């Protein structure tokens, strides 16, 4: 599941740089779906050695920086976060995500050495949250009067999420029921993006044309 998640995100990066933005967002959402269940699948394997458990932890967090760090940054840049303030936000988002993963990795290893109980809280916002936030933002952007408002919301979302990565607060881990609801909501958002991608893409291209004329 982790490998599938990484491949999906790499495809998403290819889609983003070739202006297939809707497909890239769908790849991001699919990577988030894979990440939700890779840990659950791993825990069903009761005969794992300590080395295999450590490998799973390491590969999971290395995958997260590709899936939920690099892909959202590429998407943000291609969507118009290409001015100095937008690039600064993207750089901050990437560094905050990296710090969050490194810190969480250390704390999780310490926690597993102390207890075998399942984790009940995250320390800070999980980096995987962007796989939910960005598809939902795309979905509601259809109702915005112009692409400019979506772009403003995108800047704010990337900056806010970056801060939440490194803020020291407890974030309750979703229950299985809440995960099912979350998957359903994101699935609706992805379906909405696929159905309305032509209208969204036309709005995006119109905005880019207007920006070029203004320049």
N, C-alpha and C. Protein backbone atom coordinates (compact mmCIF):
# COMPACT_ATOMS: atom_id res chain seq x y z
N UNK A 1 0.82 -1.21 0.00
CA UNK A 1 0.00 0.00 0.00
C UNK A 1 0.86 1.26 0.00
N UNK A 2 1.96 1.23 0.75
CA UNK A 2 2.85 2.39 0.80
C UNK A 2 3.48 2.64 -0.57
N UNK A 3 3.90 1.56 -1.23
CA UNK A 3 4.51 1.72 -2.55
C UNK A 3 3.50 2.23 -3.57
N UNK A 4 2.28 1.73 -3.49
CA UNK A 4 1.22 2.20 -4.40
C UNK A 4 0.98 3.69 -4.18
N UNK A 5 0.99 4.11 -2.91
CA UNK A 5 0.80 5.52 -2.56
C UNK A 5 1.88 6.40 -3.18
N UNK A 6 3.14 5.94 -3.11
CA UNK A 6 4.26 6.71 -3.68
C UNK A 6 4.14 6.79 -5.20
N UNK A 7 3.82 5.66 -5.84
CA UNK A 7 3.66 5.65 -7.30
C UNK A 7 2.54 6.59 -7.72
N UNK A 8 1.44 6.58 -6.98
CA UNK A 8 0.31 7.46 -7.27
C UNK A 8 0.75 8.93 -7.19
N UNK A 9 1.54 9.26 -6.18
CA UNK A 9 2.00 10.64 -6.02
C UNK A 9 2.98 11.05 -7.11
N UNK A 10 3.84 10.12 -7.53
CA UNK A 10 4.76 10.43 -8.62
C UNK A 10 4.00 10.67 -9.92
N UNK A 11 2.95 9.86 -10.16
CA UNK A 11 2.09 10.10 -11.31
C UNK A 11 1.41 11.47 -11.17
N UNK A 12 1.00 11.80 -9.94
CA UNK A 12 0.38 13.10 -9.68
C UNK A 12 1.32 14.25 -9.98
N UNK A 13 2.60 14.09 -9.67
CA UNK A 13 3.59 15.12 -9.99
C UNK A 13 3.72 15.29 -11.50
N UNK A 14 3.77 14.15 -12.22
CA UNK A 14 3.83 14.21 -13.69
C UNK A 14 2.60 14.94 -14.24
N UNK A 15 1.43 14.61 -13.67
CA UNK A 15 0.19 15.25 -14.13
C UNK A 15 0.21 16.75 -13.86
N UNK A 16 0.71 17.13 -12.69
CA UNK A 16 0.73 18.56 -12.31
C UNK A 16 1.63 19.36 -13.23
N UNK A 17 2.83 18.85 -13.52
CA UNK A 17 3.77 19.62 -14.34
C UNK A 17 3.33 19.68 -15.81
N UNK A 18 2.40 18.79 -16.20
CA UNK A 18 1.87 18.82 -17.57
C UNK A 18 0.47 19.44 -17.61
N UNK A 19 0.10 20.13 -16.52
CA UNK A 19 -1.15 20.88 -16.43
C UNK A 19 -2.40 20.00 -16.39
N UNK A 20 -2.28 18.77 -16.00
CA UNK A 20 -3.45 17.92 -15.74
C UNK A 20 -3.75 17.99 -14.23
N UNK A 21 -4.21 19.17 -13.83
CA UNK A 21 -4.33 19.48 -12.40
C UNK A 21 -5.36 18.60 -11.71
N UNK A 22 -6.51 18.40 -12.33
CA UNK A 22 -7.57 17.59 -11.70
C UNK A 22 -7.08 16.17 -11.45
N UNK A 23 -6.36 15.60 -12.41
CA UNK A 23 -5.82 14.25 -12.24
C UNK A 23 -4.80 14.22 -11.11
N UNK A 24 -4.00 15.28 -10.98
CA UNK A 24 -3.00 15.35 -9.92
C UNK A 24 -3.66 15.38 -8.55
N UNK A 25 -4.75 16.13 -8.42
CA UNK A 25 -5.47 16.19 -7.15
C UNK A 25 -6.07 14.82 -6.81
N UNK A 26 -6.58 14.13 -7.81
CA UNK A 26 -7.13 12.79 -7.59
C UNK A 26 -6.04 11.83 -7.14
N UNK A 27 -4.84 11.95 -7.69
CA UNK A 27 -3.71 11.12 -7.27
C UNK A 27 -3.35 11.42 -5.81
N UNK A 28 -3.41 12.68 -5.42
CA UNK A 28 -3.14 13.06 -4.04
C UNK A 28 -4.15 12.43 -3.09
N UNK A 29 -5.42 12.47 -3.47
CA UNK A 29 -6.47 11.88 -2.65
C UNK A 29 -6.29 10.36 -2.55
N UNK A 30 -5.92 9.72 -3.66
CA UNK A 30 -5.73 8.27 -3.66
C UNK A 30 -4.54 7.88 -2.78
N UNK A 31 -3.49 8.69 -2.80
CA UNK A 31 -2.34 8.43 -1.92
C UNK A 31 -2.75 8.52 -0.45
N UNK A 32 -3.61 9.47 -0.15
CA UNK A 32 -4.13 9.59 1.21
C UNK A 32 -4.93 8.37 1.62
N UNK A 33 -5.71 7.84 0.68
CA UNK A 33 -6.50 6.64 0.95
C UNK A 33 -5.59 5.46 1.26
N UNK A 34 -4.54 5.30 0.47
CA UNK A 34 -3.59 4.21 0.71
C UNK A 34 -2.92 4.35 2.07
N UNK A 35 -2.58 5.59 2.43
CA UNK A 35 -1.90 5.83 3.70
C UNK A 35 -2.80 5.52 4.90
N UNK A 36 -4.10 5.68 4.72
CA UNK A 36 -5.03 5.39 5.82
C UNK A 36 -4.99 3.93 6.24
N UNK A 37 -4.70 3.05 5.28
CA UNK A 37 -4.85 1.62 5.54
C UNK A 37 -3.55 0.83 5.56
N UNK A 38 -2.42 1.45 5.18
CA UNK A 38 -1.18 0.67 5.18
C UNK A 38 -0.78 0.23 6.59
N UNK A 39 -0.98 1.13 7.57
CA UNK A 39 -0.66 0.77 8.96
C UNK A 39 -1.56 -0.32 9.49
N UNK A 40 -2.85 -0.24 9.15
CA UNK A 40 -3.81 -1.25 9.61
C UNK A 40 -3.47 -2.61 9.04
N UNK A 41 -3.06 -2.63 7.77
CA UNK A 41 -2.67 -3.89 7.15
C UNK A 41 -1.40 -4.44 7.80
N UNK A 42 -0.45 -3.55 8.07
CA UNK A 42 0.82 -3.98 8.68
C UNK A 42 0.59 -4.59 10.05
N UNK A 43 -0.35 -4.02 10.82
CA UNK A 43 -0.60 -4.52 12.18
C UNK A 43 -1.29 -5.88 12.19
N UNK A 44 -1.83 -6.31 11.06
CA UNK A 44 -2.43 -7.65 11.00
C UNK A 44 -1.35 -8.72 10.89
N UNK A 45 -0.13 -8.31 10.54
CA UNK A 45 0.99 -9.25 10.42
C UNK A 45 1.67 -9.37 11.78
N UNK A 46 1.24 -10.34 12.55
CA UNK A 46 1.71 -10.48 13.93
C UNK A 46 3.12 -11.06 14.03
N UNK A 47 3.62 -11.65 12.95
CA UNK A 47 4.93 -12.31 13.02
C UNK A 47 6.07 -11.45 12.51
N UNK A 48 5.86 -10.12 12.46
CA UNK A 48 6.92 -9.23 11.97
C UNK A 48 8.06 -9.16 12.98
N UNK A 49 9.29 -9.12 12.47
CA UNK A 49 10.45 -8.94 13.35
C UNK A 49 10.60 -7.45 13.68
N UNK A 50 11.45 -7.15 14.63
CA UNK A 50 11.69 -5.75 15.00
C UNK A 50 12.30 -4.97 13.84
N UNK A 51 13.15 -5.63 13.07
CA UNK A 51 13.75 -4.98 11.90
C UNK A 51 12.68 -4.65 10.86
N UNK A 52 11.74 -5.54 10.67
CA UNK A 52 10.66 -5.30 9.71
C UNK A 52 9.75 -4.17 10.17
N UNK A 53 9.50 -4.10 11.47
CA UNK A 53 8.69 -3.01 12.02
C UNK A 53 9.40 -1.67 11.81
N UNK A 54 10.70 -1.64 12.09
CA UNK A 54 11.47 -0.39 11.91
C UNK A 54 11.51 0.01 10.44
N UNK A 55 11.66 -0.97 9.55
CA UNK A 55 11.66 -0.67 8.12
C UNK A 55 10.32 -0.07 7.71
N UNK A 56 9.23 -0.63 8.23
CA UNK A 56 7.90 -0.12 7.91
C UNK A 56 7.73 1.33 8.34
N UNK A 57 8.23 1.65 9.54
CA UNK A 57 8.14 3.02 10.04
C UNK A 57 8.92 3.98 9.15
N UNK A 58 10.15 3.58 8.81
CA UNK A 58 11.00 4.45 8.01
C UNK A 58 10.44 4.66 6.60
N UNK A 59 10.00 3.59 5.96
CA UNK A 59 9.51 3.71 4.58
C UNK A 59 8.22 4.51 4.54
N UNK A 60 7.42 4.41 5.60
CA UNK A 60 6.15 5.14 5.66
C UNK A 60 6.40 6.65 5.68
N UNK A 61 7.35 7.09 6.49
CA UNK A 61 7.59 8.53 6.62
C UNK A 61 8.37 9.09 5.44
N UNK A 62 9.23 8.27 4.84
CA UNK A 62 9.88 8.71 3.61
C UNK A 62 8.86 8.86 2.48
N UNK A 63 7.89 7.96 2.45
CA UNK A 63 6.82 8.05 1.45
C UNK A 63 5.96 9.29 1.68
N UNK A 64 5.70 9.61 2.94
CA UNK A 64 4.84 10.75 3.27
C UNK A 64 5.41 12.07 2.74
N UNK A 65 6.72 12.23 2.79
CA UNK A 65 7.30 13.50 2.34
C UNK A 65 7.14 13.66 0.83
N UNK A 66 7.13 12.53 0.09
CA UNK A 66 6.89 12.59 -1.34
C UNK A 66 5.41 12.85 -1.63
N UNK A 67 4.55 12.06 -0.97
CA UNK A 67 3.12 12.10 -1.26
C UNK A 67 2.44 13.38 -0.79
N UNK A 68 2.75 13.80 0.43
CA UNK A 68 2.01 14.90 1.04
C UNK A 68 2.88 16.14 1.30
N UNK A 69 4.14 16.05 0.88
CA UNK A 69 5.02 17.20 0.95
C UNK A 69 5.31 17.75 -0.44
N UNK A 70 5.94 16.93 -1.28
CA UNK A 70 6.36 17.40 -2.60
C UNK A 70 5.19 17.59 -3.55
N UNK A 71 4.29 16.62 -3.63
CA UNK A 71 3.16 16.75 -4.57
C UNK A 71 2.32 18.00 -4.30
N UNK A 72 1.90 18.29 -3.06
CA UNK A 72 1.14 19.53 -2.83
C UNK A 72 1.94 20.79 -3.18
N UNK A 73 3.26 20.77 -2.99
CA UNK A 73 4.09 21.93 -3.34
C UNK A 73 4.08 22.14 -4.85
N UNK A 74 4.25 21.06 -5.61
CA UNK A 74 4.22 21.16 -7.07
C UNK A 74 2.84 21.64 -7.53
N UNK A 75 1.80 21.11 -6.93
CA UNK A 75 0.44 21.54 -7.27
C UNK A 75 0.24 23.03 -6.98
N UNK A 76 0.67 23.44 -5.80
CA UNK A 76 0.52 24.84 -5.42
C UNK A 76 1.24 25.77 -6.38
N UNK A 77 2.46 25.39 -6.76
CA UNK A 77 3.23 26.21 -7.69
C UNK A 77 2.55 26.30 -9.05
N UNK A 78 2.08 25.17 -9.57
CA UNK A 78 1.43 25.15 -10.87
C UNK A 78 0.10 25.89 -10.86
N UNK A 79 -0.51 25.98 -9.70
CA UNK A 79 -1.80 26.66 -9.60
C UNK A 79 -1.68 28.17 -9.44
N UNK A 80 -0.47 28.67 -9.32
CA UNK A 80 -0.32 30.12 -9.26
C UNK A 80 0.44 30.64 -8.06
N UNK A 81 0.92 29.73 -7.17
CA UNK A 81 1.72 30.20 -6.04
C UNK A 81 3.17 30.36 -6.49
N UNK A 82 3.36 31.21 -7.49
CA UNK A 82 4.68 31.36 -8.12
C UNK A 82 5.29 32.74 -7.88
N UNK A 83 4.59 33.59 -7.12
CA UNK A 83 5.18 34.86 -6.74
C UNK A 83 6.03 34.66 -5.49
N UNK A 84 6.77 35.67 -5.10
CA UNK A 84 7.72 35.53 -4.00
C UNK A 84 7.03 35.10 -2.72
N UNK A 85 5.83 35.67 -2.44
CA UNK A 85 5.13 35.30 -1.20
C UNK A 85 4.57 33.89 -1.29
N UNK A 86 4.11 33.49 -2.49
CA UNK A 86 3.60 32.14 -2.66
C UNK A 86 4.72 31.11 -2.53
N UNK A 87 5.87 31.39 -3.13
CA UNK A 87 7.01 30.48 -3.03
C UNK A 87 7.48 30.38 -1.58
N UNK A 88 7.47 31.51 -0.86
CA UNK A 88 7.87 31.50 0.56
C UNK A 88 6.94 30.59 1.37
N UNK A 89 5.64 30.65 1.07
CA UNK A 89 4.68 29.79 1.77
C UNK A 89 4.94 28.32 1.45
N UNK A 90 5.22 28.03 0.19
CA UNK A 90 5.48 26.65 -0.21
C UNK A 90 6.76 26.12 0.43
N UNK A 91 7.78 26.97 0.52
CA UNK A 91 9.03 26.57 1.18
C UNK A 91 8.78 26.29 2.66
N UNK A 92 7.99 27.17 3.29
CA UNK A 92 7.66 26.97 4.70
C UNK A 92 6.86 25.68 4.89
N UNK A 93 5.90 25.44 4.01
CA UNK A 93 5.08 24.22 4.09
C UNK A 93 5.97 22.98 4.00
N UNK A 94 6.91 22.98 3.05
CA UNK A 94 7.79 21.83 2.88
C UNK A 94 8.68 21.59 4.08
N UNK A 95 9.26 22.67 4.62
CA UNK A 95 10.13 22.53 5.79
C UNK A 95 9.34 22.10 7.02
N UNK A 96 8.14 22.67 7.19
CA UNK A 96 7.31 22.30 8.34
C UNK A 96 6.90 20.83 8.26
N UNK A 97 6.57 20.37 7.05
CA UNK A 97 6.22 18.96 6.88
C UNK A 97 7.40 18.05 7.18
N UNK A 98 8.59 18.44 6.75
CA UNK A 98 9.79 17.65 7.01
C UNK A 98 10.09 17.58 8.50
N UNK A 99 10.00 18.74 9.18
CA UNK A 99 10.24 18.79 10.63
C UNK A 99 9.20 17.94 11.36
N UNK A 100 7.95 18.05 10.94
CA UNK A 100 6.88 17.30 11.58
C UNK A 100 7.11 15.79 11.47
N UNK A 101 7.51 15.34 10.28
CA UNK A 101 7.73 13.91 10.07
C UNK A 101 8.94 13.41 10.86
N UNK A 102 10.02 14.19 10.88
CA UNK A 102 11.22 13.78 11.61
C UNK A 102 10.93 13.70 13.12
N UNK A 103 10.23 14.70 13.64
CA UNK A 103 9.89 14.71 15.07
C UNK A 103 8.96 13.55 15.40
N UNK A 104 7.95 13.36 14.56
CA UNK A 104 6.98 12.30 14.81
C UNK A 104 7.66 10.94 14.74
N UNK A 105 8.60 10.78 13.82
CA UNK A 105 9.33 9.53 13.66
C UNK A 105 10.08 9.17 14.94
N UNK A 106 10.76 10.15 15.51
CA UNK A 106 11.51 9.94 16.75
C UNK A 106 10.56 9.59 17.90
N UNK A 107 9.48 10.36 18.04
CA UNK A 107 8.54 10.14 19.13
C UNK A 107 7.80 8.82 19.00
N UNK A 108 7.50 8.41 17.77
CA UNK A 108 6.81 7.14 17.56
C UNK A 108 7.70 5.96 17.91
N UNK A 109 8.97 6.05 17.56
CA UNK A 109 9.91 4.98 17.92
C UNK A 109 10.04 4.88 19.44
N UNK A 110 10.08 6.03 20.10
CA UNK A 110 10.16 6.04 21.57
C UNK A 110 8.88 5.45 22.17
N UNK A 111 7.73 5.82 21.60
CA UNK A 111 6.45 5.32 22.11
C UNK A 111 6.35 3.80 21.97
N UNK A 112 6.79 3.29 20.83
CA UNK A 112 6.69 1.85 20.60
C UNK A 112 7.64 1.07 21.50
N UNK A 113 8.74 1.69 21.92
CA UNK A 113 9.65 1.03 22.85
C UNK A 113 9.07 1.00 24.27
N UNK A 114 8.14 1.93 24.55
CA UNK A 114 7.57 2.03 25.89
C UNK A 114 6.26 1.29 26.05
N UNK A 115 5.49 1.17 24.95
CA UNK A 115 4.17 0.54 25.04
C UNK A 115 3.80 -0.11 23.71
N UNK A 116 2.94 -1.12 23.79
CA UNK A 116 2.45 -1.79 22.59
C UNK A 116 1.03 -1.34 22.23
N UNK A 117 0.49 -0.37 22.98
CA UNK A 117 -0.86 0.12 22.73
C UNK A 117 -0.91 0.92 21.43
N UNK A 118 -2.09 0.89 20.81
CA UNK A 118 -2.28 1.69 19.60
C UNK A 118 -2.30 3.17 19.96
N UNK A 119 -1.78 3.99 19.07
CA UNK A 119 -1.74 5.44 19.29
C UNK A 119 -3.15 6.01 19.29
N UNK A 120 -3.44 6.90 20.24
CA UNK A 120 -4.76 7.53 20.32
C UNK A 120 -4.74 8.99 19.88
N UNK A 121 -3.56 9.62 19.93
CA UNK A 121 -3.44 11.03 19.58
C UNK A 121 -2.21 11.24 18.69
N UNK A 122 -2.32 12.19 17.78
CA UNK A 122 -1.17 12.68 17.03
C UNK A 122 -0.66 13.94 17.72
N UNK A 123 0.62 14.18 17.63
CA UNK A 123 1.20 15.42 18.15
C UNK A 123 1.36 16.37 16.98
N UNK A 124 0.46 17.33 16.85
CA UNK A 124 0.41 18.19 15.69
C UNK A 124 -0.46 17.58 14.60
N UNK A 125 -0.74 18.37 13.58
CA UNK A 125 -1.58 17.90 12.48
C UNK A 125 -0.81 16.93 11.60
N UNK A 126 -1.38 15.76 11.30
CA UNK A 126 -0.69 14.80 10.42
C UNK A 126 -0.48 15.39 9.03
N UNK A 127 0.66 15.10 8.43
CA UNK A 127 0.98 15.65 7.10
C UNK A 127 0.02 15.11 6.05
N UNK A 128 -0.57 13.94 6.31
CA UNK A 128 -1.51 13.35 5.36
C UNK A 128 -2.81 14.16 5.22
N UNK A 129 -3.02 15.11 6.12
CA UNK A 129 -4.26 15.91 6.09
C UNK A 129 -4.41 16.69 4.78
N UNK A 130 -3.29 16.99 4.10
CA UNK A 130 -3.39 17.73 2.85
C UNK A 130 -4.11 16.93 1.77
N UNK A 131 -4.11 15.60 1.88
CA UNK A 131 -4.81 14.76 0.91
C UNK A 131 -6.33 14.88 1.07
N UNK A 132 -6.77 15.45 2.17
CA UNK A 132 -8.20 15.72 2.40
C UNK A 132 -8.50 17.19 2.11
N UNK A 133 -7.64 18.08 2.60
CA UNK A 133 -7.89 19.51 2.49
C UNK A 133 -7.91 19.99 1.05
N UNK A 134 -6.91 19.57 0.25
CA UNK A 134 -6.83 20.08 -1.12
C UNK A 134 -7.98 19.61 -2.02
N UNK A 135 -8.37 18.32 -1.99
CA UNK A 135 -9.54 17.93 -2.78
C UNK A 135 -10.81 18.67 -2.37
N UNK A 136 -11.01 18.88 -1.07
CA UNK A 136 -12.19 19.61 -0.61
C UNK A 136 -12.15 21.07 -1.06
N UNK A 137 -10.95 21.64 -1.04
CA UNK A 137 -10.80 23.03 -1.50
C UNK A 137 -11.11 23.14 -2.99
N UNK A 138 -10.69 22.15 -3.75
CA UNK A 138 -11.01 22.12 -5.19
C UNK A 138 -12.51 22.01 -5.39
N UNK A 139 -13.17 21.18 -4.60
CA UNK A 139 -14.60 20.97 -4.75
C UNK A 139 -15.38 22.26 -4.51
N UNK A 140 -15.07 22.95 -3.41
CA UNK A 140 -15.81 24.17 -3.08
C UNK A 140 -15.43 25.32 -4.01
N UNK A 141 -14.26 25.21 -4.69
CA UNK A 141 -13.83 26.29 -5.58
C UNK A 141 -14.76 26.46 -6.77
N UNK A 142 -15.52 25.42 -7.10
CA UNK A 142 -16.48 25.50 -8.20
C UNK A 142 -17.53 26.58 -7.92
N UNK A 143 -17.80 26.79 -6.63
CA UNK A 143 -18.82 27.76 -6.24
C UNK A 143 -18.26 29.15 -6.02
N UNK A 144 -16.92 29.30 -6.13
CA UNK A 144 -16.32 30.63 -5.99
C UNK A 144 -16.64 31.46 -7.23
N UNK A 145 -16.80 32.77 -7.08
CA UNK A 145 -17.11 33.61 -8.24
C UNK A 145 -15.95 33.74 -9.22
N UNK A 146 -14.73 33.47 -8.79
CA UNK A 146 -13.58 33.59 -9.69
C UNK A 146 -12.41 32.79 -9.16
N UNK A 147 -11.46 32.49 -10.04
CA UNK A 147 -10.31 31.69 -9.64
C UNK A 147 -9.45 32.42 -8.63
N UNK A 148 -9.48 33.75 -8.64
CA UNK A 148 -8.67 34.55 -7.71
C UNK A 148 -8.99 34.18 -6.26
N UNK A 149 -10.26 33.95 -5.96
CA UNK A 149 -10.66 33.61 -4.58
C UNK A 149 -10.12 32.25 -4.17
N UNK A 150 -10.14 31.31 -5.12
CA UNK A 150 -9.55 29.99 -4.85
C UNK A 150 -8.07 30.12 -4.54
N UNK A 151 -7.38 30.96 -5.30
CA UNK A 151 -5.94 31.13 -5.12
C UNK A 151 -5.62 31.74 -3.76
N UNK A 152 -6.44 32.69 -3.33
CA UNK A 152 -6.26 33.28 -2.00
C UNK A 152 -6.45 32.22 -0.92
N UNK A 153 -7.51 31.42 -1.07
CA UNK A 153 -7.78 30.34 -0.10
C UNK A 153 -6.66 29.31 -0.10
N UNK A 154 -6.08 29.04 -1.28
CA UNK A 154 -4.99 28.08 -1.38
C UNK A 154 -3.76 28.58 -0.62
N UNK A 155 -3.43 29.86 -0.77
CA UNK A 155 -2.31 30.44 -0.03
C UNK A 155 -2.53 30.31 1.48
N UNK A 156 -3.73 30.67 1.91
CA UNK A 156 -4.05 30.62 3.35
C UNK A 156 -3.99 29.19 3.87
N UNK A 157 -4.55 28.25 3.09
CA UNK A 157 -4.59 26.85 3.52
C UNK A 157 -3.18 26.27 3.65
N UNK A 158 -2.32 26.53 2.67
CA UNK A 158 -0.96 26.00 2.73
C UNK A 158 -0.18 26.57 3.92
N UNK A 159 -0.37 27.87 4.17
CA UNK A 159 0.32 28.51 5.30
C UNK A 159 -0.20 27.98 6.62
N UNK A 160 -1.53 27.90 6.76
CA UNK A 160 -2.14 27.44 8.01
C UNK A 160 -1.78 25.99 8.31
N UNK A 161 -1.86 25.14 7.30
CA UNK A 161 -1.53 23.72 7.49
C UNK A 161 -0.07 23.57 7.89
N UNK A 162 0.81 24.36 7.26
CA UNK A 162 2.22 24.31 7.62
C UNK A 162 2.44 24.64 9.09
N UNK A 163 1.75 25.66 9.60
CA UNK A 163 1.86 26.02 11.01
C UNK A 163 1.34 24.88 11.90
N UNK A 164 0.22 24.27 11.50
CA UNK A 164 -0.36 23.20 12.30
C UNK A 164 0.52 21.95 12.34
N UNK A 165 1.38 21.79 11.33
CA UNK A 165 2.32 20.67 11.35
C UNK A 165 3.26 20.75 12.54
N UNK A 166 3.70 21.96 12.86
CA UNK A 166 4.77 22.13 13.86
C UNK A 166 4.27 22.68 15.19
N UNK A 167 2.99 23.06 15.27
CA UNK A 167 2.45 23.50 16.55
C UNK A 167 2.29 22.31 17.49
N UNK A 168 2.60 22.51 18.76
CA UNK A 168 2.57 21.43 19.74
C UNK A 168 1.16 21.32 20.35
N UNK A 169 0.33 20.52 19.72
CA UNK A 169 -1.00 20.26 20.26
C UNK A 169 -1.38 18.82 19.96
N UNK A 170 -2.35 18.31 20.70
CA UNK A 170 -2.78 16.93 20.52
C UNK A 170 -3.97 16.87 19.57
N UNK A 171 -3.84 16.03 18.57
CA UNK A 171 -4.90 15.85 17.57
C UNK A 171 -5.39 14.41 17.66
N UNK A 172 -6.65 14.25 18.04
CA UNK A 172 -7.18 12.90 18.26
C UNK A 172 -7.19 12.08 16.98
N UNK A 173 -6.73 10.85 17.09
CA UNK A 173 -6.72 9.96 15.94
C UNK A 173 -8.15 9.56 15.59
N UNK A 174 -8.56 9.65 14.32
CA UNK A 174 -9.93 9.31 13.94
C UNK A 174 -10.26 7.84 14.23
N UNK A 175 -11.49 7.59 14.62
CA UNK A 175 -11.95 6.22 14.80
C UNK A 175 -12.21 5.59 13.43
N UNK A 176 -12.46 4.29 13.43
CA UNK A 176 -12.74 3.60 12.16
C UNK A 176 -13.99 4.17 11.49
N UNK A 177 -14.99 4.50 12.29
CA UNK A 177 -16.22 5.09 11.73
C UNK A 177 -15.94 6.45 11.12
N UNK A 178 -15.15 7.25 11.81
CA UNK A 178 -14.81 8.57 11.29
C UNK A 178 -13.96 8.47 10.02
N UNK A 179 -13.11 7.44 9.96
CA UNK A 179 -12.31 7.24 8.75
C UNK A 179 -13.19 6.89 7.56
N UNK A 180 -14.20 6.08 7.80
CA UNK A 180 -15.13 5.72 6.72
C UNK A 180 -15.85 6.96 6.20
N UNK A 181 -16.29 7.81 7.13
CA UNK A 181 -16.96 9.06 6.75
C UNK A 181 -16.01 9.96 5.97
N UNK A 182 -14.76 10.03 6.43
CA UNK A 182 -13.75 10.87 5.77
C UNK A 182 -13.47 10.38 4.36
N UNK A 183 -13.35 9.06 4.22
CA UNK A 183 -13.12 8.48 2.89
C UNK A 183 -14.28 8.79 1.97
N UNK A 184 -15.52 8.69 2.50
CA UNK A 184 -16.71 8.96 1.70
C UNK A 184 -16.74 10.42 1.24
N UNK A 185 -16.39 11.35 2.14
CA UNK A 185 -16.40 12.77 1.81
C UNK A 185 -15.36 13.08 0.72
N UNK A 186 -14.15 12.53 0.88
CA UNK A 186 -13.10 12.76 -0.11
C UNK A 186 -13.48 12.11 -1.44
N UNK A 187 -14.12 10.95 -1.39
CA UNK A 187 -14.55 10.28 -2.62
C UNK A 187 -15.56 11.14 -3.38
N UNK A 188 -16.47 11.76 -2.64
CA UNK A 188 -17.44 12.68 -3.26
C UNK A 188 -16.72 13.86 -3.88
N UNK A 189 -15.72 14.39 -3.17
CA UNK A 189 -14.95 15.53 -3.69
C UNK A 189 -14.21 15.14 -4.97
N UNK A 190 -13.61 13.95 -4.99
CA UNK A 190 -12.89 13.49 -6.19
C UNK A 190 -13.85 13.31 -7.36
N UNK A 191 -15.02 12.71 -7.08
CA UNK A 191 -16.03 12.53 -8.14
C UNK A 191 -16.49 13.87 -8.67
N UNK A 192 -16.65 14.82 -7.77
CA UNK A 192 -17.07 16.17 -8.16
C UNK A 192 -16.02 16.82 -9.04
N UNK A 193 -14.75 16.66 -8.66
CA UNK A 193 -13.65 17.23 -9.45
C UNK A 193 -13.63 16.63 -10.85
N UNK A 194 -13.81 15.31 -10.94
CA UNK A 194 -13.79 14.64 -12.23
C UNK A 194 -14.96 15.07 -13.11
N UNK A 195 -16.13 15.28 -12.50
CA UNK A 195 -17.32 15.66 -13.26
C UNK A 195 -17.25 17.10 -13.74
N UNK A 196 -16.65 17.98 -12.92
CA UNK A 196 -16.63 19.40 -13.23
C UNK A 196 -15.25 19.91 -13.63
N UNK A 197 -14.35 18.98 -13.99
CA UNK A 197 -12.98 19.40 -14.28
C UNK A 197 -12.89 20.32 -15.49
N UNK A 198 -13.78 20.11 -16.48
CA UNK A 198 -13.72 20.96 -17.67
C UNK A 198 -14.07 22.40 -17.33
N UNK A 199 -15.13 22.58 -16.52
CA UNK A 199 -15.52 23.93 -16.11
C UNK A 199 -14.47 24.57 -15.23
N UNK A 200 -13.89 23.77 -14.33
CA UNK A 200 -12.84 24.30 -13.45
C UNK A 200 -11.61 24.67 -14.27
N UNK A 201 -11.25 23.80 -15.22
CA UNK A 201 -10.06 24.05 -16.04
C UNK A 201 -10.24 25.27 -16.92
N UNK A 202 -11.46 25.47 -17.42
CA UNK A 202 -11.73 26.66 -18.24
C UNK A 202 -11.58 27.92 -17.39
N UNK A 203 -12.06 27.86 -16.16
CA UNK A 203 -11.93 29.01 -15.25
C UNK A 203 -10.45 29.30 -14.95
N UNK A 204 -9.70 28.23 -14.77
CA UNK A 204 -8.26 28.36 -14.49
C UNK A 204 -7.52 28.98 -15.67
N UNK A 205 -7.79 28.49 -16.87
CA UNK A 205 -7.13 29.02 -18.07
C UNK A 205 -7.51 30.47 -18.33
N UNK A 206 -8.79 30.81 -18.08
CA UNK A 206 -9.23 32.19 -18.23
C UNK A 206 -8.47 33.11 -17.29
N UNK A 207 -8.27 32.65 -16.06
CA UNK A 207 -7.53 33.44 -15.08
C UNK A 207 -6.08 33.64 -15.54
N UNK A 208 -5.46 32.58 -16.08
CA UNK A 208 -4.08 32.70 -16.54
C UNK A 208 -3.96 33.66 -17.73
N UNK A 209 -4.95 33.62 -18.62
CA UNK A 209 -4.95 34.53 -19.78
C UNK A 209 -5.07 35.98 -19.32
N UNK A 210 -5.96 36.21 -18.34
CA UNK A 210 -6.14 37.55 -17.81
C UNK A 210 -4.85 38.05 -17.13
N UNK A 211 -4.17 37.16 -16.44
CA UNK A 211 -2.91 37.52 -15.77
C UNK A 211 -1.85 37.89 -16.79
N UNK A 212 -1.80 37.12 -17.90
CA UNK A 212 -0.81 37.40 -18.94
C UNK A 212 -1.10 38.74 -19.62
N UNK A 213 -2.38 39.02 -19.86
CA UNK A 213 -2.75 40.31 -20.47
C UNK A 213 -2.42 41.45 -19.52
N UNK A 214 -2.64 41.21 -18.23
CA UNK A 214 -2.32 42.24 -17.25
C UNK A 214 -0.83 42.52 -17.17
N UNK A 215 -0.02 41.43 -17.38
CA UNK A 215 1.43 41.60 -17.35
C UNK A 215 1.91 42.36 -18.58
